[in-house]
């Protein structure tokens, strides 16, 4: 991310060290699961504890040493997402309802509540469907549509993966980039923070937006609830 202060970098270095220690401690308490001998050629498998770690069935998780046993579907694969170069809109367009639904979803994942996450994603889907672009400058419509369509796609992926909280978290990582793009494009009166977990998806896109300063990690929940740090304030 751009414009991260030296203090933020220091916070993240400390967060990375503490998170890494927590992962080692948690990993020492886990036991190796039995693998299924037969699997389709080219099929990826993930760690039961760390779904962002993928590889061939039976390989060891690089974080805790458990075997990779969980089949990964295309909808569960985490992509590395880059932010858009967004032009600030001057339109009287509020994203507060979108942010409210997103924050409820974030809090549900931080609480390890997959059912509530599904309900929250459905609410966000409805809000996004009702959102119109009639107040947005004509030259920014294409940019807006790119952001909102991506948000709809990633929110739908969370809903479709009901009962699979690891896959929901993967889609949430992508959705969080959409929310950041919304914030960059439109003004909001909310005091918000961009948080980052250096352990998630090998540090590629472990960002999320929060309404509180306290770290409540939506990617690991109770396993490492306070892992991460603030990288930006809005």
Protein backbone atom coordinates (compact mmCIF):
# COMPACT_ATOMS: atom_id res chain seq x y z
CA UNK A 1 0.00 0.00 0.00
CA UNK A 2 1.10 3.55 -0.63
CA UNK A 3 1.93 6.23 1.93
CA UNK A 4 2.34 3.93 4.90
CA UNK A 5 4.02 5.89 7.66
CA UNK A 6 7.21 4.77 9.36
CA UNK A 7 5.18 4.18 12.50
CA UNK A 8 2.79 1.93 10.60
CA UNK A 9 5.71 -0.05 9.20
CA UNK A 10 7.08 -0.50 12.72
CA UNK A 11 3.66 -1.62 13.96
CA UNK A 12 3.41 -4.15 11.15
CA UNK A 13 6.88 -5.51 11.88
CA UNK A 14 5.87 -6.07 15.50
CA UNK A 15 2.55 -7.56 14.38
CA UNK A 16 4.30 -9.93 12.00
CA UNK A 17 6.64 -11.14 14.73
CA UNK A 18 3.82 -11.67 17.24
CA UNK A 19 1.59 -13.36 14.67
CA UNK A 20 4.39 -15.65 13.57
CA UNK A 21 5.05 -16.68 17.18
CA UNK A 22 1.34 -17.35 17.64
CA UNK A 23 1.25 -19.51 14.52
CA UNK A 24 4.19 -21.60 15.72
CA UNK A 25 2.53 -22.07 19.10
CA UNK A 26 -0.79 -23.04 17.52
CA UNK A 27 0.92 -25.33 15.05
CA UNK A 28 2.67 -27.24 17.81
CA UNK A 29 -0.69 -28.18 19.27
CA UNK A 30 -2.18 -29.59 16.07
CA UNK A 31 -2.04 -33.20 14.91
CA UNK A 32 -1.46 -34.46 11.38
CA UNK A 33 -4.63 -35.49 9.56
CA UNK A 34 -4.82 -38.61 7.38
CA UNK A 35 -4.77 -37.92 3.65
CA UNK A 36 -6.97 -39.38 0.97
CA UNK A 37 -4.77 -41.44 -1.35
CA UNK A 38 -6.70 -40.79 -4.55
CA UNK A 39 -7.17 -37.32 -6.02
CA UNK A 40 -7.70 -35.75 -9.42
CA UNK A 41 -4.57 -34.73 -11.30
CA UNK A 42 -3.90 -31.02 -10.84
CA UNK A 43 -6.31 -30.71 -7.89
CA UNK A 44 -5.12 -28.26 -5.25
CA UNK A 45 -5.55 -28.94 -1.54
CA UNK A 46 -5.33 -26.56 1.40
CA UNK A 47 -4.41 -26.77 5.06
CA UNK A 48 -7.42 -27.25 7.39
CA UNK A 49 -6.02 -24.55 9.69
CA UNK A 50 -4.55 -22.20 7.07
CA UNK A 51 -6.68 -22.27 3.90
CA UNK A 52 -4.43 -19.75 2.15
CA UNK A 53 -1.68 -22.41 2.03
CA UNK A 54 -2.28 -24.69 -0.96
CA UNK A 55 -0.44 -27.46 -2.78
CA UNK A 56 -0.64 -31.15 -3.58
CA UNK A 57 -2.58 -33.48 -1.32
CA UNK A 58 -0.45 -34.78 1.53
CA UNK A 59 2.15 -32.02 1.38
CA UNK A 60 2.91 -30.21 4.63
CA UNK A 61 1.54 -26.79 5.46
CA UNK A 62 4.41 -24.30 5.49
CA UNK A 63 2.95 -22.64 8.58
CA UNK A 64 1.94 -25.44 10.93
CA UNK A 65 3.13 -28.70 9.38
CA UNK A 66 -0.31 -30.24 8.96
CA UNK A 67 -1.06 -32.16 5.78
CA UNK A 68 -2.95 -30.41 2.98
CA UNK A 69 -6.24 -32.32 2.92
CA UNK A 70 -9.01 -29.88 1.95
CA UNK A 71 -9.93 -29.80 -1.78
CA UNK A 72 -9.79 -26.27 -3.18
CA UNK A 73 -12.40 -25.17 -5.71
CA UNK A 74 -11.91 -22.30 -8.15
CA UNK A 75 -14.18 -20.06 -6.08
CA UNK A 76 -11.95 -20.57 -3.04
CA UNK A 77 -8.64 -19.55 -4.59
CA UNK A 78 -7.34 -16.25 -3.25
CA UNK A 79 -6.04 -13.89 -5.90
CA UNK A 80 -3.49 -11.17 -5.36
CA UNK A 81 -5.47 -7.98 -5.87
CA UNK A 82 -4.07 -4.60 -6.78
CA UNK A 83 -5.93 -1.39 -6.11
CA UNK A 84 -7.27 0.79 -8.89
CA UNK A 85 -6.08 4.30 -9.66
CA UNK A 86 -9.33 5.93 -8.61
CA UNK A 87 -10.47 9.46 -9.44
CA UNK A 88 -12.20 11.22 -6.56
CA UNK A 89 -15.85 11.94 -7.29
CA UNK A 90 -17.47 15.24 -6.30
CA UNK A 91 -20.96 13.78 -6.49
CA UNK A 92 -23.33 13.76 -3.52
CA UNK A 93 -23.18 9.98 -3.40
CA UNK A 94 -23.21 8.12 -0.08
CA UNK A 95 -21.51 4.76 0.38
CA UNK A 96 -22.45 4.54 4.07
CA UNK A 97 -25.03 1.77 3.61
CA UNK A 98 -22.52 -0.27 1.62
CA UNK A 99 -19.89 0.24 4.31
CA UNK A 100 -22.34 -0.62 7.10
CA UNK A 101 -23.15 -3.99 5.51
CA UNK A 102 -19.47 -4.66 4.81
CA UNK A 103 -18.53 -3.93 8.43
CA UNK A 104 -21.23 -6.31 9.70
CA UNK A 105 -19.77 -8.97 7.42
CA UNK A 106 -16.26 -8.24 8.67
CA UNK A 107 -17.36 -8.54 12.29
CA UNK A 108 -19.14 -11.83 11.59
CA UNK A 109 -15.98 -13.35 10.13
CA UNK A 110 -13.90 -12.05 13.04
CA UNK A 111 -16.36 -13.84 15.33
CA UNK A 112 -16.05 -17.09 13.33
CA UNK A 113 -19.78 -16.88 12.61
CA UNK A 114 -20.23 -18.27 9.11
CA UNK A 115 -24.02 -18.15 9.27
CA UNK A 116 -24.03 -14.46 10.18
CA UNK A 117 -21.41 -13.82 7.50
CA UNK A 118 -23.74 -15.37 4.92
CA UNK A 119 -26.68 -13.26 6.12
CA UNK A 120 -24.51 -10.14 6.06
CA UNK A 121 -23.26 -10.86 2.54
CA UNK A 122 -26.85 -11.29 1.35
CA UNK A 123 -27.71 -7.91 2.86
CA UNK A 124 -24.71 -6.35 1.12
CA UNK A 125 -25.74 -7.95 -2.17
CA UNK A 126 -29.17 -6.32 -1.84
CA UNK A 127 -27.64 -2.93 -1.03
CA UNK A 128 -25.29 -3.12 -4.01
CA UNK A 129 -28.16 -4.07 -6.33
CA UNK A 130 -30.18 -1.06 -5.16
CA UNK A 131 -27.28 1.35 -5.61
CA UNK A 132 -27.61 3.54 -8.70
CA UNK A 133 -25.11 5.73 -10.52
CA UNK A 134 -27.45 8.55 -11.55
CA UNK A 135 -25.66 11.09 -9.31
CA UNK A 136 -22.15 10.21 -10.46
CA UNK A 137 -20.24 12.26 -13.03
CA UNK A 138 -20.58 10.85 -16.55
CA UNK A 139 -16.83 10.51 -17.02
CA UNK A 140 -16.57 8.37 -13.87
CA UNK A 141 -19.39 5.92 -14.62
CA UNK A 142 -17.09 3.30 -16.15
CA UNK A 143 -14.77 3.47 -13.16
CA UNK A 144 -17.71 3.21 -10.77
CA UNK A 145 -19.19 0.23 -12.64
CA UNK A 146 -15.86 -1.60 -12.47
CA UNK A 147 -15.76 -1.22 -8.69
CA UNK A 148 -19.41 -2.06 -8.01
CA UNK A 149 -19.44 -5.07 -10.35
CA UNK A 150 -16.34 -6.48 -8.65
CA UNK A 151 -17.98 -5.95 -5.26
CA UNK A 152 -21.13 -7.75 -6.43
CA UNK A 153 -19.08 -10.69 -7.70
CA UNK A 154 -17.06 -11.05 -4.51
CA UNK A 155 -20.10 -10.62 -2.26
CA UNK A 156 -21.95 -13.29 -4.24
CA UNK A 157 -18.99 -15.64 -3.75
CA UNK A 158 -19.32 -15.21 0.02
CA UNK A 159 -23.03 -16.03 -0.14
CA UNK A 160 -22.48 -19.02 -2.43
CA UNK A 161 -19.91 -20.47 -0.03
CA UNK A 162 -22.32 -20.63 2.91
CA UNK A 163 -21.02 -23.14 5.44
CA UNK A 164 -17.44 -22.81 4.17
CA UNK A 165 -15.99 -19.96 6.19
CA UNK A 166 -12.48 -20.39 4.78
CA UNK A 167 -13.79 -19.77 1.26
CA UNK A 168 -15.87 -16.86 2.54
CA UNK A 169 -12.74 -15.29 3.98
CA UNK A 170 -10.95 -15.71 0.67
CA UNK A 171 -13.70 -13.78 -1.12
CA UNK A 172 -13.76 -11.21 1.67
CA UNK A 173 -10.11 -10.39 0.97
CA UNK A 174 -11.08 -9.44 -2.58
CA UNK A 175 -14.15 -7.54 -1.38
CA UNK A 176 -12.00 -5.50 0.99
CA UNK A 177 -10.06 -4.10 -1.96
CA UNK A 178 -13.38 -3.13 -3.56
CA UNK A 179 -14.35 -1.28 -0.37
CA UNK A 180 -11.05 0.58 -0.35
CA UNK A 181 -11.68 1.65 -3.94
CA UNK A 182 -15.17 2.86 -2.95
CA UNK A 183 -13.66 4.92 -0.13
CA UNK A 184 -11.06 6.44 -2.44
CA UNK A 185 -13.74 7.40 -4.96
CA UNK A 186 -16.40 8.75 -2.60
CA UNK A 187 -16.38 10.70 0.63
CA UNK A 188 -17.62 9.23 3.90
CA UNK A 189 -18.11 10.80 7.31
CA UNK A 190 -17.17 7.54 9.01
CA UNK A 191 -13.89 7.25 10.86
CA UNK A 192 -12.32 4.15 9.35
CA UNK A 193 -9.04 2.28 9.47
CA UNK A 194 -7.29 0.03 7.01
CA UNK A 195 -5.84 -2.96 8.85
CA UNK A 196 -3.38 -5.54 7.61
CA UNK A 197 -2.51 -9.10 8.63
CA UNK A 198 0.99 -10.05 7.38
CA UNK A 199 0.29 -13.77 7.85
CA UNK A 200 -2.73 -14.05 5.56
CA UNK A 201 -2.16 -15.38 2.02
CA UNK A 202 1.60 -14.99 2.47
CA UNK A 203 1.17 -11.25 3.02
CA UNK A 204 -0.32 -10.58 -0.42
CA UNK A 205 -3.77 -9.17 0.36
CA UNK A 206 -4.51 -9.49 4.05
CA UNK A 207 -6.13 -6.05 4.25
CA UNK A 208 -9.53 -5.08 5.58
CA UNK A 209 -11.47 -1.96 6.57
CA UNK A 210 -12.49 -1.48 10.19
CA UNK A 211 -14.50 1.03 12.19
CA UNK A 212 -12.47 0.50 15.38
CA UNK A 213 -8.81 0.89 16.30
CA UNK A 214 -8.65 -2.48 18.03
CA UNK A 215 -7.53 -5.28 15.73
CA UNK A 216 -10.22 -7.91 15.21
CA UNK A 217 -8.85 -10.15 12.47
CA UNK A 218 -11.57 -11.44 10.10
CA UNK A 219 -9.19 -13.87 8.38
CA UNK A 220 -8.32 -15.95 11.44
CA UNK A 221 -11.00 -15.15 14.01
CA UNK A 222 -10.35 -16.60 17.45
CA UNK A 223 -7.24 -18.42 16.21
CA UNK A 224 -5.33 -15.11 15.94
CA UNK A 225 -7.91 -12.40 16.60
CA UNK A 226 -5.44 -9.59 17.33
CA UNK A 227 -2.92 -10.38 14.60
CA UNK A 228 -2.25 -7.33 12.44
CA UNK A 229 -1.90 -3.58 12.59
CA UNK A 230 -3.32 -0.32 11.23
CA UNK A 231 -1.76 0.88 7.98
CA UNK A 232 -4.01 3.84 7.18
CA UNK A 233 -6.72 6.06 8.63
CA UNK A 234 -9.55 7.51 6.55
